[in-house]
Amino acid sequence: MDYRIYAPDQDGKSKNDHFAEMVTNAVFAKKIKAKRILFDSWYASAENLKLVHRLDLVFRQRRNTEKQSDGQFEQRKRLDTSGRD
């Protein structure tokens, strides 16, 4: 639906600014009539959750990384949801 490049040194926008712009753009400009929203846990600030609530949306967070015992993060493998073996 939308994406942004996080480059605060170039555009002066925080991740919360980008999130708010994307969500309000989807609801008001693109007129997407979704009731649920899925976003990465990186965007799960109180400010963003309040925005989602004010827009009467239900949210689900997703994490695409896992923390290893050495403190490093690694990308989770995508699940095959095609139903094929």
C-alpha atoms as a PDB file:
ATOM      1  CA  MET A   1       0.000   0.000   0.000  1.00  0.00           C
ATOM      2  CA  ASP A   2       2.783   2.416   0.918  1.00  0.00           C
ATOM      3  CA  TYR A   3       6.386   2.518   2.032  1.00  0.00           C
ATOM      4  CA  ARG A   4       8.925   5.077   3.119  1.00  0.00           C
ATOM      5  CA  ILE A   5      12.673   5.272   3.264  1.00  0.00           C
ATOM      6  CA  TYR A   6      13.746   6.171   6.789  1.00  0.00           C
ATOM      7  CA  ALA A   7      16.301   8.947   6.297  1.00  0.00           C
ATOM      8  CA  PRO A   8      15.844  11.500   9.096  1.00  0.00           C
ATOM      9  CA  ASP A   9      19.020  13.357   8.143  1.00  0.00           C
ATOM     10  CA  GLN A  10      17.568  14.004   4.688  1.00  0.00           C
ATOM     11  CA  ASP A  11      13.870  14.672   5.335  1.00  0.00           C
ATOM     12  CA  GLY A  12      13.762  15.452   9.069  1.00  0.00           C
ATOM     13  CA  LYS A  13      10.969  12.948   9.657  1.00  0.00           C
ATOM     14  CA  SER A  14      10.830  10.399  12.444  1.00  0.00           C
ATOM     15  CA  LYS A  15       9.544   6.873  12.004  1.00  0.00           C
ATOM     16  CA  ASN A  16       6.366   8.036  13.761  1.00  0.00           C
ATOM     17  CA  ASP A  17       5.941  10.859  11.236  1.00  0.00           C
ATOM     18  CA  HIS A  18       6.196   8.353   8.395  1.00  0.00           C
ATOM     19  CA  PHE A  19       3.771   5.962  10.073  1.00  0.00           C
ATOM     20  CA  ALA A  20       1.168   8.672  10.680  1.00  0.00           C
ATOM     21  CA  GLU A  21       1.445   9.917   7.096  1.00  0.00           C
ATOM     22  CA  MET A  22       1.098   6.420   5.636  1.00  0.00           C
ATOM     23  CA  VAL A  23      -1.902   5.463   7.785  1.00  0.00           C
ATOM     24  CA  THR A  24      -3.810   8.727   7.334  1.00  0.00           C
ATOM     25  CA  ASN A  25      -3.024   8.693   3.604  1.00  0.00           C
ATOM     26  CA  ALA A  26      -4.422   5.152   3.314  1.00  0.00           C
ATOM     27  CA  VAL A  27      -7.614   6.038   5.193  1.00  0.00           C
ATOM     28  CA  PHE A  28      -8.362   9.508   3.827  1.00  0.00           C
ATOM     29  CA  ALA A  29      -6.601   9.982   0.481  1.00  0.00           C
ATOM     30  CA  LYS A  30      -6.693   6.433  -0.844  1.00  0.00           C
ATOM     31  CA  LYS A  31     -10.018   5.735   0.907  1.00  0.00           C
ATOM     32  CA  ILE A  32      -9.007   2.215   1.859  1.00  0.00           C
ATOM     33  CA  LYS A  33     -11.844   0.768   3.893  1.00  0.00           C
ATOM     34  CA  ALA A  34      -9.803  -1.660   5.973  1.00  0.00           C
ATOM     35  CA  LYS A  35     -10.691  -2.346   9.582  1.00  0.00           C
ATOM     36  CA  ARG A  36      -7.387  -4.017  10.445  1.00  0.00           C
ATOM     37  CA  ILE A  37      -3.821  -2.846  10.070  1.00  0.00           C
ATOM     38  CA  LEU A  38      -0.592  -4.863  10.236  1.00  0.00           C
ATOM     39  CA  PHE A  39       2.695  -3.164  10.976  1.00  0.00           C
ATOM     40  CA  ASP A  40       6.143  -3.995  12.208  1.00  0.00           C
ATOM     41  CA  SER A  41       6.744  -3.687  15.950  1.00  0.00           C
ATOM     42  CA  TRP A  42       9.290  -0.951  15.178  1.00  0.00           C
ATOM     43  CA  TYR A  43       6.299   1.392  14.732  1.00  0.00           C
ATOM     44  CA  ALA A  44       4.551   0.409  17.982  1.00  0.00           C
ATOM     45  CA  SER A  45       4.906   3.690  19.864  1.00  0.00           C
ATOM     46  CA  ALA A  46       2.129   4.998  22.121  1.00  0.00           C
ATOM     47  CA  GLU A  47       1.619   7.865  19.670  1.00  0.00           C
ATOM     48  CA  ASN A  48       1.056   5.491  16.747  1.00  0.00           C
ATOM     49  CA  LEU A  49      -1.196   3.133  18.703  1.00  0.00           C
ATOM     50  CA  LYS A  50      -3.365   6.094  19.736  1.00  0.00           C
ATOM     51  CA  LEU A  51      -3.636   7.172  16.098  1.00  0.00           C
ATOM     52  CA  VAL A  52      -4.731   3.688  15.074  1.00  0.00           C
ATOM     53  CA  HIS A  53      -7.325   3.709  17.875  1.00  0.00           C
ATOM     54  CA  ARG A  54      -8.640   7.173  16.882  1.00  0.00           C
ATOM     55  CA  LEU A  55      -9.091   5.905  13.318  1.00  0.00           C
ATOM     56  CA  ASP A  56     -11.116   2.975  14.721  1.00  0.00           C
ATOM     57  CA  LEU A  57      -8.729   0.378  13.330  1.00  0.00           C
ATOM     58  CA  VAL A  58      -7.699  -2.929  14.865  1.00  0.00           C
ATOM     59  CA  PHE A  59      -3.976  -3.535  14.760  1.00  0.00           C
ATOM     60  CA  ARG A  60      -1.597  -6.440  14.740  1.00  0.00           C
ATOM     61  CA  GLN A  61       2.125  -6.067  15.199  1.00  0.00           C
ATOM     62  CA  ARG A  62       4.663  -8.171  13.425  1.00  0.00           C
ATOM     63  CA  ARG A  63       8.329  -8.774  14.066  1.00  0.00           C
ATOM     64  CA  ASN A  64      10.578  -9.896  11.297  1.00  0.00           C
ATOM     65  CA  THR A  65      13.660 -10.359  13.437  1.00  0.00           C
ATOM     66  CA  GLU A  66      14.623 -12.630  16.284  1.00  0.00           C
ATOM     67  CA  LYS A  67      17.153 -11.837  18.967  1.00  0.00           C
ATOM     68  CA  GLN A  68      19.834 -14.477  19.325  1.00  0.00           C
ATOM     69  CA  SER A  69      21.587 -15.402  22.564  1.00  0.00           C
ATOM     70  CA  ASP A  70      24.603 -13.276  21.583  1.00  0.00           C
ATOM     71  CA  GLY A  71      22.388 -10.168  21.363  1.00  0.00           C
ATOM     72  CA  GLN A  72      22.480 -10.006  17.566  1.00  0.00           C
ATOM     73  CA  PHE A  73      19.343  -9.942  15.453  1.00  0.00           C
ATOM     74  CA  GLU A  74      18.708 -12.094  12.447  1.00  0.00           C
ATOM     75  CA  GLN A  75      16.006 -11.970   9.807  1.00  0.00           C
ATOM     76  CA  ARG A  76      13.239 -14.519  10.253  1.00  0.00           C
ATOM     77  CA  LYS A  77      12.676 -16.839   7.356  1.00  0.00           C
ATOM     78  CA  ARG A  78       9.476 -16.297   5.435  1.00  0.00           C
ATOM     79  CA  LEU A  79       6.813 -18.908   5.943  1.00  0.00           C
ATOM     80  CA  ASP A  80       5.540 -20.677   2.873  1.00  0.00           C
ATOM     81  CA  THR A  81       1.794 -20.093   2.987  1.00  0.00           C
ATOM     82  CA  SER A  82       1.079 -21.362  -0.518  1.00  0.00           C
ATOM     83  CA  GLY A  83      -0.038 -24.788   0.749  1.00  0.00           C
ATOM     84  CA  ARG A  84       2.395 -26.537  -1.598  1.00  0.00           C
ATOM     85  CA  ASP A  85       4.901 -29.124  -0.410  1.00  0.00           C
END
